[in-house]
All heavy atoms as atom14 arrays in JSON, in Angstrom:
{
  "sequence": "ENPSIKQCYKEYLGAPLGEKSHHLLHTDQSKWEL",
  "atom14_mask": [
    [1, 1, 1, 1, 1, 1, 1, 1, 1, 0, 0, 0, 0, 0],
    [1, 1, 1, 1, 1, 1, 1, 1, 0, 0, 0, 0, 0, 0],
    [1, 1, 1, 1, 1, 1, 1, 0, 0, 0, 0, 0, 0, 0],
    [1, 1, 1, 1, 1, 1, 0, 0, 0, 0, 0, 0, 0, 0],
    [1, 1, 1, 1, 1, 1, 1, 1, 0, 0, 0, 0, 0, 0],
    [1, 1, 1, 1, 1, 1, 1, 1, 1, 0, 0, 0, 0, 0],
    [1, 1, 1, 1, 1, 1, 1, 1, 1, 0, 0, 0, 0, 0],
    [1, 1, 1, 1, 1, 1, 0, 0, 0, 0, 0, 0, 0, 0],
    [1, 1, 1, 1, 1, 1, 1, 1, 1, 1, 1, 1, 0, 0],
    [1, 1, 1, 1, 1, 1, 1, 1, 1, 0, 0, 0, 0, 0],
    [1, 1, 1, 1, 1, 1, 1, 1, 1, 0, 0, 0, 0, 0],
    [1, 1, 1, 1, 1, 1, 1, 1, 1, 1, 1, 1, 0, 0],
    [1, 1, 1, 1, 1, 1, 1, 1, 0, 0, 0, 0, 0, 0],
    [1, 1, 1, 1, 0, 0, 0, 0, 0, 0, 0, 0, 0, 0],
    [1, 1, 1, 1, 1, 0, 0, 0, 0, 0, 0, 0, 0, 0],
    [1, 1, 1, 1, 1, 1, 1, 0, 0, 0, 0, 0, 0, 0],
    [1, 1, 1, 1, 1, 1, 1, 1, 0, 0, 0, 0, 0, 0],
    [1, 1, 1, 1, 0, 0, 0, 0, 0, 0, 0, 0, 0, 0],
    [1, 1, 1, 1, 1, 1, 1, 1, 1, 0, 0, 0, 0, 0],
    [1, 1, 1, 1, 1, 1, 1, 1, 1, 0, 0, 0, 0, 0],
    [1, 1, 1, 1, 1, 1, 0, 0, 0, 0, 0, 0, 0, 0],
    [1, 1, 1, 1, 1, 1, 1, 1, 1, 1, 0, 0, 0, 0],
    [1, 1, 1, 1, 1, 1, 1, 1, 1, 1, 0, 0, 0, 0],
    [1, 1, 1, 1, 1, 1, 1, 1, 0, 0, 0, 0, 0, 0],
    [1, 1, 1, 1, 1, 1, 1, 1, 0, 0, 0, 0, 0, 0],
    [1, 1, 1, 1, 1, 1, 1, 1, 1, 1, 0, 0, 0, 0],
    [1, 1, 1, 1, 1, 1, 1, 0, 0, 0, 0, 0, 0, 0],
    [1, 1, 1, 1, 1, 1, 1, 1, 0, 0, 0, 0, 0, 0],
    [1, 1, 1, 1, 1, 1, 1, 1, 1, 0, 0, 0, 0, 0],
    [1, 1, 1, 1, 1, 1, 0, 0, 0, 0, 0, 0, 0, 0],
    [1, 1, 1, 1, 1, 1, 1, 1, 1, 0, 0, 0, 0, 0],
    [1, 1, 1, 1, 1, 1, 1, 1, 1, 1, 1, 1, 1, 1],
    [1, 1, 1, 1, 1, 1, 1, 1, 1, 0, 0, 0, 0, 0],
    [1, 1, 1, 1, 1, 1, 1, 1, 0, 0, 0, 0, 0, 0]
  ],
  "atom14_positions": [
    [[0.84, -3.93, 11.48], [2.28, -4.08, 11.25], [2.65, -3.94, 9.77], [3.82, -3.99, 9.42], [2.77, -5.43, 11.77], [2.68, -5.55, 13.27], [3.14, -6.91, 13.78], [3.35, -7.83, 12.97], [3.28, -7.04, 15.01], [0.0, 0.0, 0.0], [0.0, 0.0, 0.0], [0.0, 0.0, 0.0], [0.0, 0.0, 0.0], [0.0, 0.0, 0.0]],
    [[1.67, -3.74, 8.91], [1.91, -3.65, 7.47], [2.69, -2.37, 7.16], [2.21, -1.27, 7.42], [0.57, -3.66, 6.73], [0.73, -3.68, 5.24], [1.5, -2.92, 4.68], [-0.05, -4.53, 4.59], [0.0, 0.0, 0.0], [0.0, 0.0, 0.0], [0.0, 0.0, 0.0], [0.0, 0.0, 0.0], [0.0, 0.0, 0.0], [0.0, 0.0, 0.0]],
    [[3.91, -2.5, 6.58], [4.72, -1.31, 6.31], [4.03, -0.3, 5.39], [4.18, 0.91, 5.58], [5.98, -1.88, 5.63], [6.03, -3.31, 6.02], [4.61, -3.73, 6.23], [0.0, 0.0, 0.0], [0.0, 0.0, 0.0], [0.0, 0.0, 0.0], [0.0, 0.0, 0.0], [0.0, 0.0, 0.0], [0.0, 0.0, 0.0], [0.0, 0.0, 0.0]],
    [[3.25, -0.77, 4.44], [2.54, 0.16, 3.54], [1.48, 0.96, 4.29], [1.32, 2.16, 4.05], [1.9, -0.61, 2.38], [2.88, -1.23, 1.6], [0.0, 0.0, 0.0], [0.0, 0.0, 0.0], [0.0, 0.0, 0.0], [0.0, 0.0, 0.0], [0.0, 0.0, 0.0], [0.0, 0.0, 0.0], [0.0, 0.0, 0.0], [0.0, 0.0, 0.0]],
    [[0.77, 0.31, 5.18], [-0.25, 1.0, 5.98], [0.41, 1.99, 6.93], [-0.02, 3.14, 7.07], [-1.12, -0.01, 6.76], [-1.85, -0.95, 5.81], [-2.07, 0.7, 7.72], [-2.82, -0.27, 4.88], [0.0, 0.0, 0.0], [0.0, 0.0, 0.0], [0.0, 0.0, 0.0], [0.0, 0.0, 0.0], [0.0, 0.0, 0.0], [0.0, 0.0, 0.0]],
    [[1.49, 1.57, 7.56], [2.22, 2.46, 8.47], [2.72, 3.7, 7.72], [2.63, 4.82, 8.22], [3.39, 1.72, 9.11], [2.95, 0.67, 10.12], [4.13, -0.16, 10.54], [4.4, 0.02, 12.0], [5.49, -0.82, 12.5], [0.0, 0.0, 0.0], [0.0, 0.0, 0.0], [0.0, 0.0, 0.0], [0.0, 0.0, 0.0], [0.0, 0.0, 0.0]],
    [[3.23, 3.5, 6.52], [3.73, 4.62, 5.72], [2.6, 5.55, 5.32], [2.74, 6.77, 5.35], [4.46, 4.1, 4.48], [5.06, 5.2, 3.63], [5.81, 4.65, 2.43], [5.91, 3.45, 2.22], [6.35, 5.55, 1.63], [0.0, 0.0, 0.0], [0.0, 0.0, 0.0], [0.0, 0.0, 0.0], [0.0, 0.0, 0.0], [0.0, 0.0, 0.0]],
    [[1.47, 4.99, 4.95], [0.31, 5.8, 4.57], [-0.12, 6.69, 5.74], [-0.4, 7.88, 5.55], [-0.84, 4.89, 4.13], [-2.3, 5.75, 3.58], [0.0, 0.0, 0.0], [0.0, 0.0, 0.0], [0.0, 0.0, 0.0], [0.0, 0.0, 0.0], [0.0, 0.0, 0.0], [0.0, 0.0, 0.0], [0.0, 0.0, 0.0], [0.0, 0.0, 0.0]],
    [[-0.17, 6.14, 6.94], [-0.52, 6.96, 8.1], [0.54, 8.01, 8.36], [0.23, 9.17, 8.62], [-0.72, 6.08, 9.35], [-2.13, 5.58, 9.47], [-2.49, 4.32, 9.02], [-3.13, 6.39, 10.02], [-3.79, 3.87, 9.11], [-4.43, 5.96, 10.12], [-4.76, 4.69, 9.66], [-6.05, 4.26, 9.75], [0.0, 0.0, 0.0], [0.0, 0.0, 0.0]],
    [[1.8, 7.62, 8.28], [2.9, 8.55, 8.57], [2.92, 9.72, 7.59], [3.08, 10.87, 7.97], [4.23, 7.81, 8.54], [5.42, 8.67, 8.86], [6.7, 7.85, 8.81], [7.89, 8.75, 9.09], [9.15, 8.02, 9.01], [0.0, 0.0, 0.0], [0.0, 0.0, 0.0], [0.0, 0.0, 0.0], [0.0, 0.0, 0.0], [0.0, 0.0, 0.0]],
    [[2.74, 9.41, 6.3], [2.9, 10.43, 5.27], [1.61, 11.17, 4.91], [1.68, 12.25, 4.33], [3.5, 9.8, 4.01], [4.91, 9.3, 4.22], [5.5, 8.66, 2.98], [4.87, 8.73, 1.9], [6.6, 8.1, 3.09], [0.0, 0.0, 0.0], [0.0, 0.0, 0.0], [0.0, 0.0, 0.0], [0.0, 0.0, 0.0], [0.0, 0.0, 0.0]],
    [[0.45, 10.57, 5.23], [-0.77, 11.21, 4.75], [-1.89, 11.28, 5.8], [-2.45, 12.34, 6.05], [-1.28, 10.49, 3.5], [-2.47, 11.19, 2.88], [-2.34, 12.42, 2.26], [-3.73, 10.62, 2.95], [-3.43, 13.08, 1.72], [-4.83, 11.27, 2.41], [-4.67, 12.49, 1.8], [-5.75, 13.14, 1.27], [0.0, 0.0, 0.0], [0.0, 0.0, 0.0]],
    [[-2.23, 10.16, 6.4], [-3.41, 10.12, 7.25], [-3.19, 10.65, 8.67], [-4.14, 11.01, 9.35], [-3.94, 8.68, 7.34], [-4.53, 8.11, 6.05], [-4.83, 6.63, 6.22], [-5.76, 8.88, 5.64], [0.0, 0.0, 0.0], [0.0, 0.0, 0.0], [0.0, 0.0, 0.0], [0.0, 0.0, 0.0], [0.0, 0.0, 0.0], [0.0, 0.0, 0.0]],
    [[-1.94, 10.68, 9.12], [-1.69, 11.06, 10.5], [-1.89, 9.86, 11.4], [-1.66, 8.72, 11.01], [0.0, 0.0, 0.0], [0.0, 0.0, 0.0], [0.0, 0.0, 0.0], [0.0, 0.0, 0.0], [0.0, 0.0, 0.0], [0.0, 0.0, 0.0], [0.0, 0.0, 0.0], [0.0, 0.0, 0.0], [0.0, 0.0, 0.0], [0.0, 0.0, 0.0]],
    [[-2.38, 10.08, 12.59], [-2.55, 9.0, 13.56], [-3.83, 8.21, 13.3], [-4.84, 8.79, 12.9], [-2.59, 9.58, 14.97], [0.0, 0.0, 0.0], [0.0, 0.0, 0.0], [0.0, 0.0, 0.0], [0.0, 0.0, 0.0], [0.0, 0.0, 0.0], [0.0, 0.0, 0.0], [0.0, 0.0, 0.0], [0.0, 0.0, 0.0], [0.0, 0.0, 0.0]],
    [[-3.78, 6.9, 13.57], [-5.04, 6.13, 13.53], [-6.04, 6.77, 14.49], [-5.67, 7.19, 15.59], [-4.62, 4.74, 14.01], [-3.17, 4.64, 13.66], [-2.63, 6.04, 13.87], [0.0, 0.0, 0.0], [0.0, 0.0, 0.0], [0.0, 0.0, 0.0], [0.0, 0.0, 0.0], [0.0, 0.0, 0.0], [0.0, 0.0, 0.0], [0.0, 0.0, 0.0]],
    [[-7.26, 6.9, 14.07], [-8.34, 7.54, 14.8], [-8.15, 9.04, 14.94], [-8.9, 9.71, 15.65], [-8.55, 6.9, 16.19], [-8.82, 5.4, 16.2], [-8.91, 4.89, 17.64], [-10.05, 5.04, 15.42], [0.0, 0.0, 0.0], [0.0, 0.0, 0.0], [0.0, 0.0, 0.0], [0.0, 0.0, 0.0], [0.0, 0.0, 0.0], [0.0, 0.0, 0.0]],
    [[-7.14, 9.57, 14.24], [-6.94, 11.02, 14.24], [-7.98, 11.71, 13.37], [-8.78, 11.07, 12.69], [0.0, 0.0, 0.0], [0.0, 0.0, 0.0], [0.0, 0.0, 0.0], [0.0, 0.0, 0.0], [0.0, 0.0, 0.0], [0.0, 0.0, 0.0], [0.0, 0.0, 0.0], [0.0, 0.0, 0.0], [0.0, 0.0, 0.0], [0.0, 0.0, 0.0]],
    [[-7.97, 13.04, 13.38], [-9.0, 13.8, 12.67], [-9.05, 13.48, 11.18], [-10.11, 13.2, 10.63], [-8.78, 15.29, 12.88], [-9.88, 16.13, 12.27], [-9.69, 17.61, 12.51], [-8.96, 18.0, 13.42], [-10.3, 18.39, 11.75], [0.0, 0.0, 0.0], [0.0, 0.0, 0.0], [0.0, 0.0, 0.0], [0.0, 0.0, 0.0], [0.0, 0.0, 0.0]],
    [[-7.89, 13.51, 10.51], [-7.88, 13.28, 9.07], [-8.26, 11.85, 8.71], [-9.08, 11.61, 7.83], [-6.5, 13.62, 8.48], [-6.47, 13.61, 6.97], [-5.15, 14.14, 6.46], [-5.17, 14.35, 4.97], [-3.91, 14.93, 4.49], [0.0, 0.0, 0.0], [0.0, 0.0, 0.0], [0.0, 0.0, 0.0], [0.0, 0.0, 0.0], [0.0, 0.0, 0.0]],
    [[-7.68, 10.88, 9.42], [-8.01, 9.49, 9.11], [-9.47, 9.2, 9.43], [-10.15, 8.49, 8.68], [-7.08, 8.52, 9.85], [-7.21, 8.65, 11.25], [0.0, 0.0, 0.0], [0.0, 0.0, 0.0], [0.0, 0.0, 0.0], [0.0, 0.0, 0.0], [0.0, 0.0, 0.0], [0.0, 0.0, 0.0], [0.0, 0.0, 0.0], [0.0, 0.0, 0.0]],
    [[-9.97, 9.76, 10.5], [-11.37, 9.54, 10.84], [-12.29, 10.13, 9.76], [-13.24, 9.49, 9.33], [-11.71, 10.16, 12.2], [-13.11, 9.91, 12.63], [-13.51, 8.72, 13.19], [-14.22, 10.68, 12.54], [-14.81, 8.78, 13.43], [-15.27, 9.96, 13.05], [0.0, 0.0, 0.0], [0.0, 0.0, 0.0], [0.0, 0.0, 0.0], [0.0, 0.0, 0.0]],
    [[-11.98, 11.33, 9.33], [-12.79, 12.0, 8.31], [-12.79, 11.21, 7.0], [-13.83, 11.06, 6.35], [-12.28, 13.42, 8.08], [-12.96, 14.12, 6.95], [-14.25, 14.61, 7.04], [-12.55, 14.4, 5.69], [-14.6, 15.15, 5.88], [-13.59, 15.05, 5.06], [0.0, 0.0, 0.0], [0.0, 0.0, 0.0], [0.0, 0.0, 0.0], [0.0, 0.0, 0.0]],
    [[-11.64, 10.69, 6.6], [-11.52, 10.02, 5.31], [-11.93, 8.54, 5.33], [-12.36, 8.01, 4.32], [-10.09, 10.14, 4.79], [-9.65, 11.56, 4.43], [-8.16, 11.59, 4.11], [-10.47, 12.09, 3.26], [0.0, 0.0, 0.0], [0.0, 0.0, 0.0], [0.0, 0.0, 0.0], [0.0, 0.0, 0.0], [0.0, 0.0, 0.0], [0.0, 0.0, 0.0]],
    [[-11.79, 7.89, 6.46], [-11.99, 6.43, 6.5], [-13.27, 5.99, 7.19], [-13.57, 4.81, 7.23], [-10.79, 5.76, 7.19], [-9.43, 6.02, 6.54], [-8.33, 5.38, 7.35], [-9.42, 5.52, 5.1], [0.0, 0.0, 0.0], [0.0, 0.0, 0.0], [0.0, 0.0, 0.0], [0.0, 0.0, 0.0], [0.0, 0.0, 0.0], [0.0, 0.0, 0.0]],
    [[-14.04, 6.91, 7.72], [-15.29, 6.56, 8.39], [-16.46, 7.23, 7.69], [-16.29, 8.25, 7.04], [-15.25, 6.98, 9.86], [-14.23, 6.24, 10.65], [-12.91, 6.61, 10.67], [-14.32, 5.14, 11.41], [-12.22, 5.77, 11.43], [-13.06, 4.86, 11.89], [0.0, 0.0, 0.0], [0.0, 0.0, 0.0], [0.0, 0.0, 0.0], [0.0, 0.0, 0.0]],
    [[-17.62, 6.66, 7.86], [-18.81, 7.22, 7.23], [-19.96, 7.23, 8.22], [-19.96, 6.49, 9.2], [-19.19, 6.42, 5.97], [-20.24, 7.11, 5.3], [-19.64, 5.01, 6.29], [0.0, 0.0, 0.0], [0.0, 0.0, 0.0], [0.0, 0.0, 0.0], [0.0, 0.0, 0.0], [0.0, 0.0, 0.0], [0.0, 0.0, 0.0], [0.0, 0.0, 0.0]],
    [[-20.89, 8.08, 7.96], [-22.11, 8.15, 8.75], [-23.26, 7.97, 7.77], [-23.67, 8.92, 7.1], [-22.2, 9.5, 9.47], [-23.47, 9.61, 10.32], [-24.36, 8.73, 10.22], [-23.58, 10.6, 11.06], [0.0, 0.0, 0.0], [0.0, 0.0, 0.0], [0.0, 0.0, 0.0], [0.0, 0.0, 0.0], [0.0, 0.0, 0.0], [0.0, 0.0, 0.0]],
    [[-23.75, 6.75, 7.67], [-24.77, 6.46, 6.67], [-26.05, 7.24, 6.88], [-26.83, 7.41, 5.95], [-25.04, 4.95, 6.57], [-25.68, 4.35, 7.78], [-24.69, 3.93, 8.85], [-23.53, 4.3, 8.83], [-25.15, 3.15, 9.81], [0.0, 0.0, 0.0], [0.0, 0.0, 0.0], [0.0, 0.0, 0.0], [0.0, 0.0, 0.0], [0.0, 0.0, 0.0]],
    [[-26.26, 7.78, 8.08], [-27.48, 8.57, 8.29], [-27.42, 9.89, 7.52], [-28.44, 10.52, 7.3], [-27.69, 8.85, 9.78], [-26.69, 9.72, 10.27], [0.0, 0.0, 0.0], [0.0, 0.0, 0.0], [0.0, 0.0, 0.0], [0.0, 0.0, 0.0], [0.0, 0.0, 0.0], [0.0, 0.0, 0.0], [0.0, 0.0, 0.0], [0.0, 0.0, 0.0]],
    [[-26.23, 10.29, 7.08], [-26.08, 11.53, 6.32], [-26.03, 11.31, 4.81], [-25.91, 12.25, 4.05], [-24.82, 12.27, 6.77], [-24.91, 12.73, 8.2], [-23.65, 13.46, 8.62], [-23.78, 13.89, 10.08], [-22.55, 14.53, 10.55], [0.0, 0.0, 0.0], [0.0, 0.0, 0.0], [0.0, 0.0, 0.0], [0.0, 0.0, 0.0], [0.0, 0.0, 0.0]],
    [[-26.1, 10.06, 4.39], [-26.05, 9.77, 2.96], [-27.3, 10.31, 2.27], [-28.41, 10.19, 2.78], [-25.97, 8.29, 2.69], [-24.69, 7.63, 3.12], [-23.58, 8.23, 3.65], [-24.42, 6.24, 3.07], [-22.63, 7.29, 3.92], [-23.11, 6.06, 3.58], [-25.12, 5.13, 2.67], [-22.52, 4.82, 3.69], [-24.54, 3.89, 2.77], [-23.24, 3.74, 3.26]],
    [[-27.12, 10.87, 1.11], [-28.25, 11.27, 0.3], [-28.44, 10.23, -0.78], [-27.58, 10.03, -1.63], [-27.98, 12.64, -0.34], [-27.99, 13.77, 0.66], [-27.85, 15.12, 0.0], [-28.39, 15.31, -1.12], [-27.19, 15.97, 0.59], [0.0, 0.0, 0.0], [0.0, 0.0, 0.0], [0.0, 0.0, 0.0], [0.0, 0.0, 0.0], [0.0, 0.0, 0.0]],
    [[-29.55, 9.54, -0.71], [-29.84, 8.48, -1.67], [-30.83, 9.0, -2.7], [-31.77, 9.72, -2.37], [-30.4, 7.25, -0.97], [-29.5, 6.65, 0.11], [-30.22, 5.5, 0.81], [-28.2, 6.14, -0.51], [0.0, 0.0, 0.0], [0.0, 0.0, 0.0], [0.0, 0.0, 0.0], [0.0, 0.0, 0.0], [0.0, 0.0, 0.0], [0.0, 0.0, 0.0]]
  ]
}
């Protein structure tokens, strides 16, 4: 319900769990190069 979070999704990330938000907000540690 946070207006700032809602605005961020509306203006930049798209839908929660959408392609862009998933790409930017999730990680796969098995692909990390250490």
